[in-house]
Amino acid sequence: MPRDLCTQGASAAGGFRIPAKTTVLSFRLLPLELKLGGLPGRRTFMTGRGADILCIGIDSASMHTRLLILERAGHTVTQARDLRQVQAACETISFSVAILGQSLNANEKMRVSDVVLKSCKSAKILELHTGLAPDLAHADEHLQATAIEPQDLIDAVNALL
């Protein structure tokens, strides 16, 4: 617990004195720290460039983790779990980035990307994949999800903005 040094004549250890007319200002900047899945957290500062992000996938745990990471980075996140939800979201919000989750198979990624390209014309596609090669060649960015860290996802999204 920090002490108010302005009202103390000396520190508890007797190490120094502050003159009575001296004002001490202390500022503490608190970065957002992400500690997910036991990985050591990296400091992520909110940027002024928050964007509307569409996360598409079927794995609830992965979707929730991405939501937390991106919201802490200052973005607004909408989730969709099927084509109907993707279509509805694209009709109401102008997304900057659509993230296709690694749990979608290659055929489903193709169908979803077609809907995104037709309905969310301004959105860029970030494909998350688990294999060595991406499933969706025409995506704007690819990120291998097997060793993904929170900052990697934020960096990939920010690169598309």
N, C-alpha and C. Protein backbone atom coordinates (compact mmCIF):
# COMPACT_ATOMS: atom_id res chain seq x y z
N MET A 1 0.85 -1.18 0.00
CA MET A 1 0.00 0.00 0.00
C MET A 1 0.89 1.23 0.00
N PRO A 2 0.78 2.11 -1.00
CA PRO A 2 1.63 3.29 -1.05
C PRO A 2 1.28 4.27 0.06
N ARG A 3 2.31 4.95 0.56
CA ARG A 3 2.10 5.95 1.60
C ARG A 3 2.10 7.33 0.98
N ASP A 4 1.39 8.24 1.59
CA ASP A 4 1.37 9.62 1.15
C ASP A 4 2.58 10.30 1.75
N LEU A 5 3.63 10.52 0.95
CA LEU A 5 4.87 11.09 1.45
C LEU A 5 4.74 12.58 1.76
N CYS A 6 3.71 13.23 1.23
CA CYS A 6 3.53 14.67 1.49
C CYS A 6 3.21 14.92 2.95
N THR A 7 2.54 13.99 3.59
CA THR A 7 2.16 14.22 4.98
C THR A 7 3.15 13.60 5.95
N GLN A 8 4.07 12.80 5.44
CA GLN A 8 5.07 12.18 6.30
C GLN A 8 6.28 13.09 6.39
N GLY A 9 6.81 13.29 7.56
CA GLY A 9 8.02 14.08 7.73
C GLY A 9 9.24 13.32 7.26
N ALA A 10 9.22 12.01 7.44
CA ALA A 10 10.33 11.17 7.01
C ALA A 10 9.78 9.79 6.74
N SER A 11 10.53 9.00 6.04
CA SER A 11 10.08 7.64 5.77
C SER A 11 10.14 6.83 7.05
N ALA A 12 9.45 5.70 7.07
CA ALA A 12 9.43 4.85 8.26
C ALA A 12 10.83 4.37 8.61
N ALA A 13 11.68 4.21 7.61
CA ALA A 13 13.04 3.74 7.86
C ALA A 13 13.96 4.89 8.22
N GLY A 14 13.45 6.13 8.17
CA GLY A 14 14.25 7.29 8.51
C GLY A 14 15.26 7.66 7.44
N GLY A 15 15.01 7.26 6.20
CA GLY A 15 15.98 7.45 5.14
C GLY A 15 16.04 8.85 4.56
N PHE A 16 14.94 9.57 4.43
CA PHE A 16 14.98 10.90 3.82
C PHE A 16 13.86 11.76 4.36
N ARG A 17 14.02 13.06 4.17
CA ARG A 17 13.00 14.01 4.62
C ARG A 17 12.51 14.79 3.42
N ILE A 18 11.23 15.11 3.42
CA ILE A 18 10.64 15.93 2.38
C ILE A 18 10.25 17.24 3.01
N PRO A 19 10.74 18.36 2.46
CA PRO A 19 10.37 19.66 3.03
C PRO A 19 8.86 19.83 3.05
N ALA A 20 8.35 20.57 4.00
CA ALA A 20 6.91 20.73 4.21
C ALA A 20 6.20 21.33 3.01
N LYS A 21 6.84 22.17 2.21
CA LYS A 21 6.17 22.83 1.09
C LYS A 21 6.39 22.11 -0.23
N THR A 22 6.89 20.91 -0.22
CA THR A 22 7.15 20.15 -1.43
C THR A 22 5.93 19.30 -1.76
N THR A 23 5.55 19.31 -3.02
CA THR A 23 4.45 18.48 -3.48
C THR A 23 5.02 17.30 -4.24
N VAL A 24 4.60 16.12 -3.89
CA VAL A 24 5.07 14.92 -4.56
C VAL A 24 3.91 14.38 -5.38
N LEU A 25 4.15 14.25 -6.68
CA LEU A 25 3.14 13.69 -7.56
C LEU A 25 3.59 12.31 -7.98
N SER A 26 2.69 11.39 -7.91
CA SER A 26 3.01 10.03 -8.30
C SER A 26 1.97 9.56 -9.29
N PHE A 27 2.43 9.06 -10.42
CA PHE A 27 1.52 8.53 -11.44
C PHE A 27 1.88 7.07 -11.67
N ARG A 28 0.87 6.27 -11.77
CA ARG A 28 1.10 4.87 -12.06
C ARG A 28 0.33 4.53 -13.33
N LEU A 29 1.06 4.12 -14.37
CA LEU A 29 0.44 3.71 -15.61
C LEU A 29 0.26 2.20 -15.55
N LEU A 30 -0.93 1.77 -15.75
CA LEU A 30 -1.22 0.34 -15.66
C LEU A 30 -1.49 -0.23 -17.04
N PRO A 31 -0.55 -0.95 -17.61
CA PRO A 31 -0.82 -1.61 -18.89
C PRO A 31 -1.73 -2.80 -18.66
N LEU A 32 -2.42 -3.18 -19.70
CA LEU A 32 -3.24 -4.38 -19.61
C LEU A 32 -2.32 -5.57 -19.79
N GLU A 33 -2.40 -6.51 -18.90
CA GLU A 33 -1.57 -7.68 -19.01
C GLU A 33 -2.45 -8.87 -19.31
N LEU A 34 -2.02 -9.67 -20.24
CA LEU A 34 -2.77 -10.86 -20.61
C LEU A 34 -2.01 -12.08 -20.10
N LYS A 35 -2.65 -12.87 -19.33
CA LYS A 35 -2.07 -14.12 -18.88
C LYS A 35 -3.10 -15.19 -19.17
N LEU A 36 -2.97 -15.79 -20.33
CA LEU A 36 -3.96 -16.76 -20.77
C LEU A 36 -3.29 -18.12 -20.92
N GLY A 37 -3.96 -19.13 -20.45
CA GLY A 37 -3.47 -20.48 -20.62
C GLY A 37 -2.10 -20.73 -20.00
N GLY A 38 -1.75 -19.99 -18.96
CA GLY A 38 -0.49 -20.21 -18.29
C GLY A 38 0.70 -19.61 -19.02
N LEU A 39 0.48 -18.98 -20.17
CA LEU A 39 1.59 -18.37 -20.89
C LEU A 39 1.99 -17.09 -20.19
N PRO A 40 3.27 -16.77 -20.16
CA PRO A 40 3.66 -15.50 -19.56
C PRO A 40 3.04 -14.36 -20.37
N GLY A 41 2.45 -13.42 -19.67
CA GLY A 41 1.75 -12.34 -20.36
C GLY A 41 2.71 -11.32 -20.95
N ARG A 42 2.27 -10.73 -22.03
CA ARG A 42 2.99 -9.60 -22.61
C ARG A 42 2.14 -8.38 -22.36
N ARG A 43 2.76 -7.25 -22.24
CA ARG A 43 2.01 -6.03 -22.00
C ARG A 43 1.44 -5.53 -23.31
N THR A 44 0.16 -5.25 -23.29
CA THR A 44 -0.52 -4.77 -24.47
C THR A 44 -1.21 -3.47 -24.12
N PHE A 45 -0.83 -2.40 -24.77
CA PHE A 45 -1.42 -1.11 -24.49
C PHE A 45 -2.55 -0.87 -25.47
N MET A 46 -3.61 -0.24 -24.97
CA MET A 46 -4.76 0.07 -25.80
C MET A 46 -4.31 1.06 -26.87
N THR A 47 -4.73 0.79 -28.08
CA THR A 47 -4.41 1.70 -29.16
C THR A 47 -5.63 2.56 -29.43
N GLY A 48 -5.42 3.68 -30.07
CA GLY A 48 -6.52 4.55 -30.42
C GLY A 48 -7.25 4.07 -31.65
N ARG A 49 -6.80 2.97 -32.24
CA ARG A 49 -7.39 2.51 -33.47
C ARG A 49 -8.24 1.26 -33.26
N GLY A 50 -9.18 1.33 -32.38
CA GLY A 50 -10.07 0.20 -32.18
C GLY A 50 -10.90 -0.02 -33.43
N ALA A 51 -11.11 -1.27 -33.78
CA ALA A 51 -11.83 -1.61 -35.00
C ALA A 51 -12.94 -2.61 -34.69
N ASP A 52 -13.88 -2.72 -35.62
CA ASP A 52 -14.93 -3.74 -35.52
C ASP A 52 -14.38 -5.03 -36.12
N ILE A 53 -14.35 -6.07 -35.30
CA ILE A 53 -13.79 -7.36 -35.70
C ILE A 53 -14.89 -8.41 -35.64
N LEU A 54 -14.97 -9.25 -36.67
CA LEU A 54 -15.91 -10.37 -36.71
C LEU A 54 -15.10 -11.65 -36.50
N CYS A 55 -15.38 -12.38 -35.42
CA CYS A 55 -14.73 -13.67 -35.14
C CYS A 55 -15.70 -14.78 -35.49
N ILE A 56 -15.26 -15.69 -36.35
CA ILE A 56 -16.11 -16.77 -36.82
C ILE A 56 -15.46 -18.09 -36.43
N GLY A 57 -16.22 -18.95 -35.77
CA GLY A 57 -15.69 -20.25 -35.37
C GLY A 57 -16.73 -21.06 -34.64
N ILE A 58 -16.33 -22.27 -34.27
CA ILE A 58 -17.27 -23.15 -33.57
C ILE A 58 -16.76 -23.60 -32.20
N ASP A 59 -15.50 -23.34 -31.91
CA ASP A 59 -14.92 -23.73 -30.62
C ASP A 59 -15.14 -22.60 -29.61
N SER A 60 -16.03 -22.82 -28.66
CA SER A 60 -16.41 -21.77 -27.70
C SER A 60 -15.23 -21.25 -26.90
N ALA A 61 -14.35 -22.12 -26.44
CA ALA A 61 -13.22 -21.69 -25.63
C ALA A 61 -12.28 -20.78 -26.43
N SER A 62 -11.96 -21.17 -27.65
CA SER A 62 -11.09 -20.35 -28.50
C SER A 62 -11.75 -19.02 -28.84
N MET A 63 -13.03 -19.05 -29.12
CA MET A 63 -13.75 -17.83 -29.46
C MET A 63 -13.74 -16.86 -28.27
N HIS A 64 -13.96 -17.38 -27.08
CA HIS A 64 -13.98 -16.53 -25.89
C HIS A 64 -12.60 -15.94 -25.63
N THR A 65 -11.56 -16.75 -25.80
CA THR A 65 -10.19 -16.26 -25.60
C THR A 65 -9.87 -15.14 -26.59
N ARG A 66 -10.22 -15.33 -27.87
CA ARG A 66 -9.99 -14.28 -28.87
C ARG A 66 -10.77 -13.02 -28.53
N LEU A 67 -11.99 -13.18 -28.07
CA LEU A 67 -12.81 -12.03 -27.67
C LEU A 67 -12.11 -11.22 -26.59
N LEU A 68 -11.62 -11.89 -25.55
CA LEU A 68 -10.93 -11.20 -24.46
C LEU A 68 -9.67 -10.50 -24.94
N ILE A 69 -8.88 -11.18 -25.74
CA ILE A 69 -7.62 -10.61 -26.23
C ILE A 69 -7.90 -9.35 -27.05
N LEU A 70 -8.84 -9.44 -27.98
CA LEU A 70 -9.10 -8.32 -28.89
C LEU A 70 -9.80 -7.16 -28.19
N GLU A 71 -10.70 -7.45 -27.26
CA GLU A 71 -11.36 -6.37 -26.54
C GLU A 71 -10.36 -5.63 -25.65
N ARG A 72 -9.44 -6.36 -25.03
CA ARG A 72 -8.42 -5.72 -24.20
C ARG A 72 -7.47 -4.87 -25.04
N ALA A 73 -7.38 -5.18 -26.32
CA ALA A 73 -6.54 -4.39 -27.23
C ALA A 73 -7.31 -3.20 -27.79
N GLY A 74 -8.57 -3.03 -27.38
CA GLY A 74 -9.34 -1.86 -27.78
C GLY A 74 -10.29 -2.06 -28.94
N HIS A 75 -10.46 -3.29 -29.40
CA HIS A 75 -11.34 -3.56 -30.53
C HIS A 75 -12.74 -3.96 -30.06
N THR A 76 -13.70 -3.80 -30.94
CA THR A 76 -15.06 -4.26 -30.69
C THR A 76 -15.24 -5.57 -31.43
N VAL A 77 -15.68 -6.61 -30.73
CA VAL A 77 -15.72 -7.95 -31.30
C VAL A 77 -17.16 -8.46 -31.37
N THR A 78 -17.51 -9.01 -32.53
CA THR A 78 -18.79 -9.69 -32.74
C THR A 78 -18.46 -11.13 -33.09
N GLN A 79 -19.20 -12.06 -32.51
CA GLN A 79 -18.95 -13.48 -32.78
C GLN A 79 -20.06 -14.07 -33.64
N ALA A 80 -19.67 -14.99 -34.52
CA ALA A 80 -20.63 -15.71 -35.35
C ALA A 80 -20.21 -17.17 -35.40
N ARG A 81 -21.19 -18.06 -35.31
CA ARG A 81 -20.89 -19.49 -35.28
C ARG A 81 -21.38 -20.24 -36.51
N ASP A 82 -22.15 -19.58 -37.37
CA ASP A 82 -22.61 -20.23 -38.60
C ASP A 82 -22.81 -19.18 -39.69
N LEU A 83 -23.11 -19.64 -40.91
CA LEU A 83 -23.25 -18.72 -42.05
C LEU A 83 -24.38 -17.71 -41.87
N ARG A 84 -25.45 -18.15 -41.27
CA ARG A 84 -26.59 -17.25 -41.04
C ARG A 84 -26.20 -16.09 -40.12
N GLN A 85 -25.45 -16.39 -39.07
CA GLN A 85 -24.99 -15.35 -38.15
C GLN A 85 -23.96 -14.43 -38.82
N VAL A 86 -23.12 -14.98 -39.68
CA VAL A 86 -22.15 -14.17 -40.41
C VAL A 86 -22.89 -13.18 -41.31
N GLN A 87 -23.87 -13.67 -42.05
CA GLN A 87 -24.67 -12.83 -42.96
C GLN A 87 -25.38 -11.71 -42.18
N ALA A 88 -26.01 -12.07 -41.08
CA ALA A 88 -26.74 -11.08 -40.28
C ALA A 88 -25.80 -10.02 -39.71
N ALA A 89 -24.64 -10.45 -39.23
CA ALA A 89 -23.68 -9.50 -38.66
C ALA A 89 -23.17 -8.54 -39.73
N CYS A 90 -22.87 -9.06 -40.91
CA CYS A 90 -22.36 -8.22 -42.00
C CYS A 90 -23.39 -7.23 -42.51
N GLU A 91 -24.66 -7.53 -42.36
CA GLU A 91 -25.71 -6.62 -42.81
C GLU A 91 -25.87 -5.44 -41.86
N THR A 92 -25.43 -5.58 -40.63
CA THR A 92 -25.64 -4.51 -39.64
C THR A 92 -24.37 -3.75 -39.26
N ILE A 93 -23.20 -4.36 -39.44
CA ILE A 93 -21.94 -3.74 -38.99
C ILE A 93 -20.93 -3.78 -40.14
N SER A 94 -20.18 -2.71 -40.28
CA SER A 94 -19.11 -2.65 -41.27
C SER A 94 -17.81 -3.09 -40.60
N PHE A 95 -17.42 -4.33 -40.79
CA PHE A 95 -16.25 -4.89 -40.13
C PHE A 95 -14.97 -4.53 -40.86
N SER A 96 -13.92 -4.33 -40.09
CA SER A 96 -12.59 -4.10 -40.67
C SER A 96 -11.87 -5.41 -40.94
N VAL A 97 -12.05 -6.37 -40.02
CA VAL A 97 -11.37 -7.66 -40.13
C VAL A 97 -12.34 -8.77 -39.76
N ALA A 98 -12.30 -9.86 -40.52
CA ALA A 98 -13.04 -11.08 -40.19
C ALA A 98 -12.01 -12.16 -39.91
N ILE A 99 -12.10 -12.77 -38.73
CA ILE A 99 -11.16 -13.82 -38.33
C ILE A 99 -11.86 -15.16 -38.46
N LEU A 100 -11.29 -16.03 -39.29
CA LEU A 100 -11.83 -17.38 -39.46
C LEU A 100 -11.04 -18.31 -38.57
N GLY A 101 -11.72 -18.93 -37.61
CA GLY A 101 -11.07 -19.76 -36.60
C GLY A 101 -10.48 -21.03 -37.13
N GLN A 102 -9.51 -21.54 -36.41
CA GLN A 102 -8.82 -22.76 -36.81
C GLN A 102 -9.68 -24.01 -36.70
N SER A 103 -10.79 -23.94 -35.98
CA SER A 103 -11.64 -25.12 -35.83
C SER A 103 -12.54 -25.36 -37.06
N LEU A 104 -12.63 -24.39 -37.95
CA LEU A 104 -13.40 -24.57 -39.18
C LEU A 104 -12.58 -25.40 -40.17
N ASN A 105 -13.24 -26.36 -40.85
CA ASN A 105 -12.51 -27.13 -41.85
C ASN A 105 -12.37 -26.31 -43.13
N ALA A 106 -11.56 -26.77 -44.06
CA ALA A 106 -11.24 -26.00 -45.27
C ALA A 106 -12.48 -25.65 -46.09
N ASN A 107 -13.42 -26.59 -46.24
CA ASN A 107 -14.65 -26.32 -47.01
C ASN A 107 -15.50 -25.25 -46.33
N GLU A 108 -15.60 -25.32 -45.02
CA GLU A 108 -16.39 -24.34 -44.28
C GLU A 108 -15.73 -22.96 -44.37
N LYS A 109 -14.40 -22.92 -44.31
CA LYS A 109 -13.70 -21.65 -44.46
C LYS A 109 -13.98 -21.02 -45.82
N MET A 110 -14.04 -21.85 -46.86
CA MET A 110 -14.35 -21.35 -48.21
C MET A 110 -15.76 -20.75 -48.24
N ARG A 111 -16.74 -21.46 -47.69
CA ARG A 111 -18.12 -20.95 -47.67
C ARG A 111 -18.22 -19.66 -46.87
N VAL A 112 -17.60 -19.63 -45.71
CA VAL A 112 -17.65 -18.44 -44.86
C VAL A 112 -16.95 -17.27 -45.55
N SER A 113 -15.80 -17.51 -46.16
CA SER A 113 -15.08 -16.42 -46.82
C SER A 113 -15.87 -15.87 -47.99
N ASP A 114 -16.60 -16.71 -48.71
CA ASP A 114 -17.47 -16.23 -49.80
C ASP A 114 -18.53 -15.28 -49.27
N VAL A 115 -19.15 -15.64 -48.15
CA VAL A 115 -20.18 -14.78 -47.54
C VAL A 115 -19.55 -13.47 -47.07
N VAL A 116 -18.38 -13.55 -46.45
CA VAL A 116 -17.70 -12.35 -45.96
C VAL A 116 -17.35 -11.43 -47.14
N LEU A 117 -16.81 -11.99 -48.21
CA LEU A 117 -16.42 -11.18 -49.37
C LEU A 117 -17.62 -10.52 -50.04
N LYS A 118 -18.77 -11.19 -50.02
CA LYS A 118 -19.98 -10.62 -50.64
C LYS A 118 -20.71 -9.66 -49.72
N SER A 119 -20.75 -9.97 -48.43
CA SER A 119 -21.57 -9.18 -47.49
C SER A 119 -20.77 -8.14 -46.71
N CYS A 120 -19.53 -8.39 -46.45
CA CYS A 120 -18.67 -7.47 -45.70
C CYS A 120 -17.56 -7.01 -46.63
N LYS A 121 -17.91 -6.25 -47.61
CA LYS A 121 -16.98 -5.90 -48.68
C LYS A 121 -15.70 -5.21 -48.19
N SER A 122 -15.79 -4.46 -47.11
CA SER A 122 -14.60 -3.74 -46.63
C SER A 122 -13.74 -4.58 -45.68
N ALA A 123 -14.22 -5.74 -45.28
CA ALA A 123 -13.48 -6.56 -44.30
C ALA A 123 -12.32 -7.31 -44.95
N LYS A 124 -11.22 -7.35 -44.24
CA LYS A 124 -10.09 -8.18 -44.65
C LYS A 124 -10.18 -9.48 -43.86
N ILE A 125 -9.67 -10.55 -44.45
CA ILE A 125 -9.80 -11.87 -43.84
C ILE A 125 -8.48 -12.31 -43.23
N LEU A 126 -8.55 -12.69 -41.95
CA LEU A 126 -7.43 -13.29 -41.24
C LEU A 126 -7.80 -14.74 -40.98
N GLU A 127 -7.04 -15.65 -41.58
CA GLU A 127 -7.31 -17.07 -41.38
C GLU A 127 -6.37 -17.65 -40.33
N LEU A 128 -6.94 -18.30 -39.34
CA LEU A 128 -6.17 -19.05 -38.35
C LEU A 128 -6.16 -20.50 -38.80
N HIS A 129 -5.00 -21.13 -38.80
CA HIS A 129 -4.91 -22.52 -39.26
C HIS A 129 -3.98 -23.31 -38.35
N THR A 130 -4.17 -24.63 -38.33
CA THR A 130 -3.34 -25.47 -37.47
C THR A 130 -2.25 -26.20 -38.25
N GLY A 131 -2.43 -26.37 -39.54
CA GLY A 131 -1.43 -27.06 -40.35
C GLY A 131 -0.27 -26.15 -40.70
N LEU A 132 0.71 -26.71 -41.39
CA LEU A 132 1.85 -25.92 -41.83
C LEU A 132 1.46 -24.93 -42.91
N ALA A 133 0.53 -25.34 -43.77
CA ALA A 133 0.08 -24.46 -44.85
C ALA A 133 -1.33 -23.98 -44.55
N PRO A 134 -1.67 -22.76 -44.98
CA PRO A 134 -3.02 -22.26 -44.76
C PRO A 134 -4.05 -23.02 -45.61
N ASP A 135 -5.31 -22.99 -45.16
CA ASP A 135 -6.40 -23.63 -45.90
C ASP A 135 -7.00 -22.69 -46.94
N LEU A 136 -6.85 -21.41 -46.73
CA LEU A 136 -7.53 -20.40 -47.54
C LEU A 136 -6.48 -19.49 -48.20
N ALA A 137 -6.14 -19.82 -49.43
CA ALA A 137 -5.05 -19.11 -50.11
C ALA A 137 -5.34 -17.62 -50.31
N HIS A 138 -6.60 -17.25 -50.53
CA HIS A 138 -6.92 -15.86 -50.84
C HIS A 138 -7.15 -14.98 -49.61
N ALA A 139 -6.92 -15.49 -48.42
CA ALA A 139 -7.06 -14.67 -47.21
C ALA A 139 -5.99 -13.57 -47.21
N ASP A 140 -6.32 -12.43 -46.59
CA ASP A 140 -5.39 -11.31 -46.55
C ASP A 140 -4.21 -11.56 -45.63
N GLU A 141 -4.41 -12.39 -44.63
CA GLU A 141 -3.35 -12.70 -43.66
C GLU A 141 -3.61 -14.09 -43.11
N HIS A 142 -2.53 -14.78 -42.76
CA HIS A 142 -2.62 -16.14 -42.20
C HIS A 142 -1.85 -16.16 -40.89
N LEU A 143 -2.36 -16.93 -39.93
CA LEU A 143 -1.69 -17.06 -38.64
C LEU A 143 -1.83 -18.50 -38.18
N GLN A 144 -0.70 -19.16 -37.97
CA GLN A 144 -0.74 -20.53 -37.49
C GLN A 144 -1.15 -20.53 -36.03
N ALA A 145 -2.19 -21.26 -35.70
CA ALA A 145 -2.79 -21.20 -34.37
C ALA A 145 -2.22 -22.20 -33.38
N THR A 146 -1.29 -23.04 -33.79
CA THR A 146 -0.79 -24.05 -32.85
C THR A 146 0.08 -23.44 -31.76
N ALA A 147 0.81 -22.40 -32.07
CA ALA A 147 1.69 -21.78 -31.07
C ALA A 147 1.38 -20.29 -30.93
N ILE A 148 0.14 -19.94 -31.10
CA ILE A 148 -0.25 -18.53 -31.09
C ILE A 148 -0.18 -17.95 -29.68
N GLU A 149 0.34 -16.76 -29.58
CA GLU A 149 0.34 -16.01 -28.33
C GLU A 149 -0.58 -14.82 -28.51
N PRO A 150 -1.11 -14.28 -27.42
CA PRO A 150 -2.06 -13.16 -27.54
C PRO A 150 -1.54 -12.01 -28.39
N GLN A 151 -0.27 -11.65 -28.21
CA GLN A 151 0.26 -10.51 -28.96
C GLN A 151 0.34 -10.81 -30.45
N ASP A 152 0.54 -12.07 -30.82
CA ASP A 152 0.58 -12.44 -32.23
C ASP A 152 -0.76 -12.16 -32.91
N LEU A 153 -1.84 -12.47 -32.23
CA LEU A 153 -3.17 -12.20 -32.78
C LEU A 153 -3.40 -10.70 -32.91
N ILE A 154 -3.04 -9.95 -31.91
CA ILE A 154 -3.21 -8.49 -31.94
C ILE A 154 -2.38 -7.89 -33.08
N ASP A 155 -1.15 -8.35 -33.22
CA ASP A 155 -0.28 -7.84 -34.28
C ASP A 155 -0.84 -8.16 -35.66
N ALA A 156 -1.37 -9.37 -35.84
CA ALA A 156 -1.93 -9.76 -37.14
C ALA A 156 -3.15 -8.91 -37.48
N VAL A 157 -4.00 -8.66 -36.50
CA VAL A 157 -5.19 -7.81 -36.73
C VAL A 157 -4.77 -6.39 -37.04
N ASN A 158 -3.86 -5.84 -36.25
CA ASN A 158 -3.42 -4.47 -36.46
C ASN A 158 -2.73 -4.29 -37.82
N ALA A 159 -2.06 -5.32 -38.30
CA ALA A 159 -1.41 -5.25 -39.62
C ALA A 159 -2.44 -5.10 -40.74
N LEU A 160 -3.65 -5.60 -40.51
CA LEU A 160 -4.70 -5.52 -41.52
C LEU A 160 -5.48 -4.22 -41.49
N LEU A 161 -5.31 -3.43 -40.44
CA LEU A 161 -6.06 -2.19 -40.32
C LEU A 161 -5.44 -1.06 -41.12
